[in-house]
């Protein structure tokens, strides 16, 4: 019994290590632009301004991890929702004086 538990635990550890070491999907500038619904120039500009996640440079090629781009989109979506809520809240507190 103990031997089976140890083997199962070792298998779980090996699976976790394989998942962590699996190659991550890299996106090209064109793929990032398509995903963000903007131009390639816009992606480069945002990268130059430091608004993009860190990129991976392979010689002249520039790539981003897909996971990082998705996280950026999630974070920006959340920030936009919060700003919208604040704007709506401030409009409710303003009273129109006639």
C-alpha atoms as a PDB file:
ATOM      1  CA  UNK A   1       0.000   0.000   0.000  1.00  0.00           C
ATOM      2  CA  UNK A   2       2.703   2.476   0.980  1.00  0.00           C
ATOM      3  CA  UNK A   3       4.630   1.660  -2.171  1.00  0.00           C
ATOM      4  CA  UNK A   4       1.585   2.410  -4.335  1.00  0.00           C
ATOM      5  CA  UNK A   5       1.030   5.751  -2.580  1.00  0.00           C
ATOM      6  CA  UNK A   6       4.666   6.702  -3.112  1.00  0.00           C
ATOM      7  CA  UNK A   7       4.475   5.743  -6.790  1.00  0.00           C
ATOM      8  CA  UNK A   8       1.282   7.746  -7.267  1.00  0.00           C
ATOM      9  CA  UNK A   9       2.809  10.758  -5.554  1.00  0.00           C
ATOM     10  CA  UNK A  10       5.938  10.480  -7.724  1.00  0.00           C
ATOM     11  CA  UNK A  11       3.754  10.305 -10.849  1.00  0.00           C
ATOM     12  CA  UNK A  12       1.880  13.441  -9.769  1.00  0.00           C
ATOM     13  CA  UNK A  13       5.157  15.272  -9.208  1.00  0.00           C
ATOM     14  CA  UNK A  14       6.458  14.197 -12.630  1.00  0.00           C
ATOM     15  CA  UNK A  15       3.236  15.352 -14.322  1.00  0.00           C
ATOM     16  CA  UNK A  16       3.453  18.738 -12.607  1.00  0.00           C
ATOM     17  CA  UNK A  17       7.094  19.149 -13.651  1.00  0.00           C
ATOM     18  CA  UNK A  18       6.184  18.289 -17.257  1.00  0.00           C
ATOM     19  CA  UNK A  19       3.382  20.875 -17.253  1.00  0.00           C
ATOM     20  CA  UNK A  20       5.718  23.545 -15.898  1.00  0.00           C
ATOM     21  CA  UNK A  21       8.448  22.773 -18.422  1.00  0.00           C
ATOM     22  CA  UNK A  22       6.090  22.532 -21.399  1.00  0.00           C
ATOM     23  CA  UNK A  23       6.880  25.115 -24.079  1.00  0.00           C
ATOM     24  CA  UNK A  24       4.657  28.152 -23.889  1.00  0.00           C
ATOM     25  CA  UNK A  25       2.835  29.527 -26.912  1.00  0.00           C
ATOM     26  CA  UNK A  26       4.594  32.545 -28.364  1.00  0.00           C
ATOM     27  CA  UNK A  27       2.677  35.135 -30.372  1.00  0.00           C
ATOM     28  CA  UNK A  28       3.994  37.230 -33.234  1.00  0.00           C
ATOM     29  CA  UNK A  29       3.386  40.965 -33.478  1.00  0.00           C
ATOM     30  CA  UNK A  30       0.675  40.321 -36.080  1.00  0.00           C
ATOM     31  CA  UNK A  31      -1.055  37.778 -33.817  1.00  0.00           C
ATOM     32  CA  UNK A  32      -0.947  40.169 -30.858  1.00  0.00           C
ATOM     33  CA  UNK A  33      -2.345  42.969 -33.031  1.00  0.00           C
ATOM     34  CA  UNK A  34      -5.164  40.722 -34.250  1.00  0.00           C
ATOM     35  CA  UNK A  35      -5.959  39.604 -30.695  1.00  0.00           C
ATOM     36  CA  UNK A  36      -5.997  43.197 -29.442  1.00  0.00           C
ATOM     37  CA  UNK A  37      -7.860  44.435 -32.529  1.00  0.00           C
ATOM     38  CA  UNK A  38      -5.256  47.076 -33.343  1.00  0.00           C
ATOM     39  CA  UNK A  39      -2.473  47.668 -35.846  1.00  0.00           C
ATOM     40  CA  UNK A  40       1.023  46.197 -35.719  1.00  0.00           C
ATOM     41  CA  UNK A  41       2.328  49.764 -35.369  1.00  0.00           C
ATOM     42  CA  UNK A  42       0.142  50.233 -32.299  1.00  0.00           C
ATOM     43  CA  UNK A  43       1.600  47.077 -30.706  1.00  0.00           C
ATOM     44  CA  UNK A  44       5.150  48.288 -31.342  1.00  0.00           C
ATOM     45  CA  UNK A  45       4.293  51.758 -29.993  1.00  0.00           C
ATOM     46  CA  UNK A  46       2.732  50.335 -26.832  1.00  0.00           C
ATOM     47  CA  UNK A  47       5.767  48.099 -26.391  1.00  0.00           C
ATOM     48  CA  UNK A  48       8.127  51.069 -26.744  1.00  0.00           C
ATOM     49  CA  UNK A  49       6.089  52.964 -24.120  1.00  0.00           C
ATOM     50  CA  UNK A  50       6.347  50.033 -21.714  1.00  0.00           C
ATOM     51  CA  UNK A  51       2.613  49.288 -21.814  1.00  0.00           C
ATOM     52  CA  UNK A  52       3.060  45.712 -23.054  1.00  0.00           C
ATOM     53  CA  UNK A  53       4.290  42.698 -21.106  1.00  0.00           C
ATOM     54  CA  UNK A  54       7.996  41.957 -21.536  1.00  0.00           C
ATOM     55  CA  UNK A  55       8.714  40.602 -24.996  1.00  0.00           C
ATOM     56  CA  UNK A  56      11.100  37.887 -26.053  1.00  0.00           C
ATOM     57  CA  UNK A  57      13.586  38.916 -28.711  1.00  0.00           C
ATOM     58  CA  UNK A  58      14.971  36.198 -30.953  1.00  0.00           C
ATOM     59  CA  UNK A  59      17.416  38.102 -33.103  1.00  0.00           C
ATOM     60  CA  UNK A  60      15.230  40.513 -35.058  1.00  0.00           C
ATOM     61  CA  UNK A  61      12.041  38.657 -34.130  1.00  0.00           C
ATOM     62  CA  UNK A  62       9.795  39.862 -31.313  1.00  0.00           C
ATOM     63  CA  UNK A  63       7.439  37.474 -29.535  1.00  0.00           C
ATOM     64  CA  UNK A  64       5.135  37.578 -26.526  1.00  0.00           C
ATOM     65  CA  UNK A  65       3.874  34.714 -24.427  1.00  0.00           C
ATOM     66  CA  UNK A  66       0.192  34.195 -25.185  1.00  0.00           C
ATOM     67  CA  UNK A  67      -0.518  33.866 -21.473  1.00  0.00           C
ATOM     68  CA  UNK A  68       0.970  37.328 -20.829  1.00  0.00           C
ATOM     69  CA  UNK A  69      -1.153  38.907 -23.573  1.00  0.00           C
ATOM     70  CA  UNK A  70      -4.326  37.290 -22.229  1.00  0.00           C
ATOM     71  CA  UNK A  71      -3.477  38.524 -18.728  1.00  0.00           C
ATOM     72  CA  UNK A  72      -2.930  42.046 -20.099  1.00  0.00           C
ATOM     73  CA  UNK A  73      -6.350  41.961 -21.772  1.00  0.00           C
ATOM     74  CA  UNK A  74      -8.020  40.686 -18.580  1.00  0.00           C
ATOM     75  CA  UNK A  75      -6.332  43.389 -16.509  1.00  0.00           C
ATOM     76  CA  UNK A  76      -7.275  46.176 -18.954  1.00  0.00           C
ATOM     77  CA  UNK A  77     -10.863  44.909 -19.113  1.00  0.00           C
ATOM     78  CA  UNK A  78     -11.074  45.020 -15.321  1.00  0.00           C
ATOM     79  CA  UNK A  79      -9.542  48.520 -15.176  1.00  0.00           C
ATOM     80  CA  UNK A  80     -12.049  49.752 -17.773  1.00  0.00           C
ATOM     81  CA  UNK A  81     -14.964  48.298 -15.835  1.00  0.00           C
ATOM     82  CA  UNK A  82     -13.763  49.969 -12.641  1.00  0.00           C
ATOM     83  CA  UNK A  83     -13.384  53.347 -14.369  1.00  0.00           C
ATOM     84  CA  UNK A  84     -16.878  53.019 -15.822  1.00  0.00           C
ATOM     85  CA  UNK A  85     -18.319  52.261 -12.383  1.00  0.00           C
ATOM     86  CA  UNK A  86     -16.537  55.279 -10.901  1.00  0.00           C
ATOM     87  CA  UNK A  87     -17.797  57.537 -13.691  1.00  0.00           C
ATOM     88  CA  UNK A  88     -21.369  56.309 -13.206  1.00  0.00           C
ATOM     89  CA  UNK A  89     -21.075  56.753  -9.464  1.00  0.00           C
ATOM     90  CA  UNK A  90     -19.786  60.320  -9.803  1.00  0.00           C
ATOM     91  CA  UNK A  91     -22.625  61.178 -12.206  1.00  0.00           C
ATOM     92  CA  UNK A  92     -25.174  59.956  -9.682  1.00  0.00           C
ATOM     93  CA  UNK A  93     -23.669  62.097  -6.933  1.00  0.00           C
ATOM     94  CA  UNK A  94     -23.744  65.255  -9.067  1.00  0.00           C
ATOM     95  CA  UNK A  95     -27.002  67.119  -8.746  1.00  0.00           C
ATOM     96  CA  UNK A  96     -28.247  69.362 -11.472  1.00  0.00           C
ATOM     97  CA  UNK A  97     -29.038  72.837 -10.160  1.00  0.00           C
ATOM     98  CA  UNK A  98     -31.596  74.750 -12.214  1.00  0.00           C
END
